[in-house]
Amino acid sequence: MEPTSIQKQEKPTCNYCGKQVYGREGKKYCNVDCKNNYNSRIRSELRTKENQFFPEAFNQIKKNYRILHNYKDQFKEIEVIYVEKQELLKLGFDPQYCTKAYVDDQQRLWKNCYNYSWSDYNDSFAIRYGIYSWKS
């Protein structure tokens, strides 16, 4: 007796590890771990492709944030600190990259990197920590 066409079909294999899949029809993964690992890999590949379009800006904004965050402890005592421009520039800070900017009541331009703000002040940057609003 010859096998039918249904019996000739190969068993499905896991999309992640390639092992044979048992259970209901249409099942794609052999277990939950394989499903999670597969989806994590796909998301990681998508993030990598997205970051290829904006690597310089994203990386510099992250770097600016890390540099400014190193001064966070100084904000416990005073609202604004002044750091020499050369000191920040040597660390890799680039004032051109920010997440937003606004002009305060004294017509001074402040640039933000998330919850840190800075403004030019002679040979220094005035830096403050916290969320500040601006007039519309």
C-alpha atoms as a PDB file:
ATOM      1  CA  MET A   1       0.000   0.000   0.000  1.00  0.00           C
ATOM      2  CA  GLU A   2       1.404   3.365  -1.083  1.00  0.00           C
ATOM      3  CA  PRO A   3       1.558   6.269   1.402  1.00  0.00           C
ATOM      4  CA  THR A   4      -0.948   9.040   0.749  1.00  0.00           C
ATOM      5  CA  SER A   5       0.084  12.579  -0.050  1.00  0.00           C
ATOM      6  CA  ILE A   6      -0.650  13.590   3.562  1.00  0.00           C
ATOM      7  CA  GLN A   7       1.708  10.930   4.896  1.00  0.00           C
ATOM      8  CA  LYS A   8       4.441  12.023   2.457  1.00  0.00           C
ATOM      9  CA  GLN A   9       4.513  15.603   3.804  1.00  0.00           C
ATOM     10  CA  GLU A  10       7.484  16.422   5.978  1.00  0.00           C
ATOM     11  CA  LYS A  11       6.952  17.349   9.588  1.00  0.00           C
ATOM     12  CA  PRO A  12       7.319  21.084  10.214  1.00  0.00           C
ATOM     13  CA  THR A  13      10.507  22.350  11.857  1.00  0.00           C
ATOM     14  CA  CYS A  14      11.075  25.096  14.441  1.00  0.00           C
ATOM     15  CA  ASN A  15      11.784  28.532  12.915  1.00  0.00           C
ATOM     16  CA  TYR A  16      14.532  29.113  15.482  1.00  0.00           C
ATOM     17  CA  CYS A  17      16.397  25.878  16.173  1.00  0.00           C
ATOM     18  CA  GLY A  18      15.295  23.669  13.281  1.00  0.00           C
ATOM     19  CA  LYS A  19      14.055  20.765  15.431  1.00  0.00           C
ATOM     20  CA  GLN A  20      10.921  18.911  14.441  1.00  0.00           C
ATOM     21  CA  VAL A  21       7.732  20.498  15.790  1.00  0.00           C
ATOM     22  CA  TYR A  22       5.008  18.358  17.379  1.00  0.00           C
ATOM     23  CA  GLY A  23       1.491  19.389  18.236  1.00  0.00           C
ATOM     24  CA  ARG A  24      -1.178  21.394  16.516  1.00  0.00           C
ATOM     25  CA  GLU A  25      -1.106  22.204  12.842  1.00  0.00           C
ATOM     26  CA  GLY A  26       0.545  25.524  11.999  1.00  0.00           C
ATOM     27  CA  LYS A  27       2.843  25.508  15.027  1.00  0.00           C
ATOM     28  CA  LYS A  28       6.090  27.377  14.216  1.00  0.00           C
ATOM     29  CA  TYR A  29       8.281  26.840  17.299  1.00  0.00           C
ATOM     30  CA  CYS A  30       9.116  23.794  19.365  1.00  0.00           C
ATOM     31  CA  ASN A  31       8.809  25.681  22.685  1.00  0.00           C
ATOM     32  CA  VAL A  32       8.355  29.128  24.230  1.00  0.00           C
ATOM     33  CA  ASP A  33      12.103  29.747  24.562  1.00  0.00           C
ATOM     34  CA  CYS A  34      12.620  29.275  20.830  1.00  0.00           C
ATOM     35  CA  LYS A  35       9.712  31.618  20.098  1.00  0.00           C
ATOM     36  CA  ASN A  36      11.114  34.323  22.418  1.00  0.00           C
ATOM     37  CA  ASN A  37      14.667  33.924  21.098  1.00  0.00           C
ATOM     38  CA  TYR A  38      13.473  34.135  17.493  1.00  0.00           C
ATOM     39  CA  ASN A  39      11.451  37.305  18.134  1.00  0.00           C
ATOM     40  CA  SER A  40      14.309  38.882  20.112  1.00  0.00           C
ATOM     41  CA  ARG A  41      16.670  38.238  17.220  1.00  0.00           C
ATOM     42  CA  ILE A  42      14.215  39.769  14.732  1.00  0.00           C
ATOM     43  CA  ARG A  43      13.726  42.887  16.911  1.00  0.00           C
ATOM     44  CA  SER A  44      17.491  43.232  17.343  1.00  0.00           C
ATOM     45  CA  GLU A  45      18.032  43.069  13.579  1.00  0.00           C
ATOM     46  CA  LEU A  46      15.342  45.717  13.029  1.00  0.00           C
ATOM     47  CA  ARG A  47      16.915  48.038  15.638  1.00  0.00           C
ATOM     48  CA  THR A  48      20.295  47.623  13.973  1.00  0.00           C
ATOM     49  CA  LYS A  49      18.824  48.579  10.595  1.00  0.00           C
ATOM     50  CA  GLU A  50      17.024  51.590  12.094  1.00  0.00           C
ATOM     51  CA  ASN A  51      20.171  52.833  13.825  1.00  0.00           C
ATOM     52  CA  GLN A  52      22.086  52.758  10.544  1.00  0.00           C
ATOM     53  CA  PHE A  53      20.017  55.760   9.435  1.00  0.00           C
ATOM     54  CA  PHE A  54      20.709  57.893  12.532  1.00  0.00           C
ATOM     55  CA  PRO A  55      23.879  56.599  14.174  1.00  0.00           C
ATOM     56  CA  GLU A  56      25.784  59.859  14.524  1.00  0.00           C
ATOM     57  CA  ALA A  57      22.954  61.857  16.081  1.00  0.00           C
ATOM     58  CA  PHE A  58      21.740  59.113  18.425  1.00  0.00           C
ATOM     59  CA  ASN A  59      25.232  58.218  19.575  1.00  0.00           C
ATOM     60  CA  GLN A  60      26.193  61.847  20.195  1.00  0.00           C
ATOM     61  CA  ILE A  61      23.004  62.578  22.142  1.00  0.00           C
ATOM     62  CA  LYS A  62      23.663  59.509  24.310  1.00  0.00           C
ATOM     63  CA  LYS A  63      27.256  60.631  24.802  1.00  0.00           C
ATOM     64  CA  ASN A  64      26.169  64.169  25.740  1.00  0.00           C
ATOM     65  CA  TYR A  65      23.711  62.755  28.269  1.00  0.00           C
ATOM     66  CA  ARG A  66      26.358  60.534  29.883  1.00  0.00           C
ATOM     67  CA  ILE A  67      28.792  63.444  30.131  1.00  0.00           C
ATOM     68  CA  LEU A  68      26.209  65.761  31.698  1.00  0.00           C
ATOM     69  CA  HIS A  69      25.005  63.009  34.022  1.00  0.00           C
ATOM     70  CA  ASN A  70      28.497  62.851  35.573  1.00  0.00           C
ATOM     71  CA  TYR A  71      27.788  66.286  37.092  1.00  0.00           C
ATOM     72  CA  LYS A  72      24.433  65.312  38.630  1.00  0.00           C
ATOM     73  CA  ASP A  73      25.703  65.218  42.232  1.00  0.00           C
ATOM     74  CA  GLN A  74      26.661  68.900  42.047  1.00  0.00           C
ATOM     75  CA  PHE A  75      23.021  69.905  41.476  1.00  0.00           C
ATOM     76  CA  LYS A  76      21.970  68.899  45.001  1.00  0.00           C
ATOM     77  CA  GLU A  77      23.397  72.109  46.429  1.00  0.00           C
ATOM     78  CA  ILE A  78      22.917  74.646  43.610  1.00  0.00           C
ATOM     79  CA  GLU A  79      20.517  75.016  40.692  1.00  0.00           C
ATOM     80  CA  VAL A  80      23.062  75.985  38.006  1.00  0.00           C
ATOM     81  CA  ILE A  81      26.671  74.913  37.677  1.00  0.00           C
ATOM     82  CA  TYR A  82      29.286  76.387  35.359  1.00  0.00           C
ATOM     83  CA  VAL A  83      31.698  74.086  33.561  1.00  0.00           C
ATOM     84  CA  GLU A  84      34.446  75.278  31.236  1.00  0.00           C
ATOM     85  CA  LYS A  85      33.674  74.560  27.592  1.00  0.00           C
ATOM     86  CA  GLN A  86      37.099  73.025  26.998  1.00  0.00           C
ATOM     87  CA  GLU A  87      36.547  70.519  29.816  1.00  0.00           C
ATOM     88  CA  LEU A  88      33.307  69.258  28.264  1.00  0.00           C
ATOM     89  CA  LEU A  89      34.646  69.337  24.725  1.00  0.00           C
ATOM     90  CA  LYS A  90      37.653  67.209  25.753  1.00  0.00           C
ATOM     91  CA  LEU A  91      35.206  64.608  27.099  1.00  0.00           C
ATOM     92  CA  GLY A  92      33.481  64.496  23.696  1.00  0.00           C
ATOM     93  CA  PHE A  93      30.519  66.773  24.428  1.00  0.00           C
ATOM     94  CA  ASP A  94      29.051  68.347  21.288  1.00  0.00           C
ATOM     95  CA  PRO A  95      26.651  71.234  22.029  1.00  0.00           C
ATOM     96  CA  GLN A  96      25.232  71.000  18.513  1.00  0.00           C
ATOM     97  CA  TYR A  97      23.273  67.835  19.420  1.00  0.00           C
ATOM     98  CA  CYS A  98      20.278  68.243  21.713  1.00  0.00           C
ATOM     99  CA  THR A  99      16.754  66.906  22.174  1.00  0.00           C
ATOM    100  CA  LYS A 100      15.068  70.332  22.342  1.00  0.00           C
ATOM    101  CA  ALA A 101      15.837  74.015  22.825  1.00  0.00           C
ATOM    102  CA  TYR A 102      14.059  77.048  24.227  1.00  0.00           C
ATOM    103  CA  VAL A 103      14.594  80.701  25.041  1.00  0.00           C
ATOM    104  CA  ASP A 104      14.060  81.787  28.651  1.00  0.00           C
ATOM    105  CA  ASP A 105      12.618  85.087  29.966  1.00  0.00           C
ATOM    106  CA  GLN A 106      16.028  86.767  29.642  1.00  0.00           C
ATOM    107  CA  GLN A 107      16.236  85.811  25.940  1.00  0.00           C
ATOM    108  CA  ARG A 108      18.926  83.226  26.652  1.00  0.00           C
ATOM    109  CA  LEU A 109      18.992  80.077  24.511  1.00  0.00           C
ATOM    110  CA  TRP A 110      18.960  76.827  26.491  1.00  0.00           C
ATOM    111  CA  LYS A 111      19.505  73.472  24.817  1.00  0.00           C
ATOM    112  CA  ASN A 112      18.314  70.259  26.416  1.00  0.00           C
ATOM    113  CA  CYS A 113      19.501  66.708  26.458  1.00  0.00           C
ATOM    114  CA  TYR A 114      16.490  65.096  28.109  1.00  0.00           C
ATOM    115  CA  ASN A 115      16.442  66.535  31.650  1.00  0.00           C
ATOM    116  CA  TYR A 116      19.763  68.432  31.434  1.00  0.00           C
ATOM    117  CA  SER A 117      19.941  71.958  30.002  1.00  0.00           C
ATOM    118  CA  TRP A 118      22.947  74.039  29.001  1.00  0.00           C
ATOM    119  CA  SER A 119      23.552  77.525  27.730  1.00  0.00           C
ATOM    120  CA  ASP A 120      26.653  79.391  26.559  1.00  0.00           C
ATOM    121  CA  TYR A 121      28.085  81.621  29.235  1.00  0.00           C
ATOM    122  CA  ASN A 122      31.373  83.244  28.199  1.00  0.00           C
ATOM    123  CA  ASP A 123      34.015  80.468  28.209  1.00  0.00           C
ATOM    124  CA  SER A 124      31.738  78.094  30.120  1.00  0.00           C
ATOM    125  CA  PHE A 125      28.461  76.286  29.839  1.00  0.00           C
ATOM    126  CA  ALA A 126      25.782  77.008  32.414  1.00  0.00           C
ATOM    127  CA  ILE A 127      24.227  73.618  33.146  1.00  0.00           C
ATOM    128  CA  ARG A 128      21.093  72.835  35.090  1.00  0.00           C
ATOM    129  CA  TYR A 129      19.233  69.666  35.905  1.00  0.00           C
ATOM    130  CA  GLY A 130      15.472  69.259  35.796  1.00  0.00           C
ATOM    131  CA  ILE A 131      12.541  69.858  33.532  1.00  0.00           C
ATOM    132  CA  TYR A 132      11.991  73.516  32.707  1.00  0.00           C
ATOM    133  CA  SER A 133       9.118  74.956  30.751  1.00  0.00           C
ATOM    134  CA  TRP A 134       9.267  77.826  28.320  1.00  0.00           C
ATOM    135  CA  LYS A 135       6.740  80.384  27.173  1.00  0.00           C
ATOM    136  CA  SER A 136       4.721  79.579  24.099  1.00  0.00           C
END
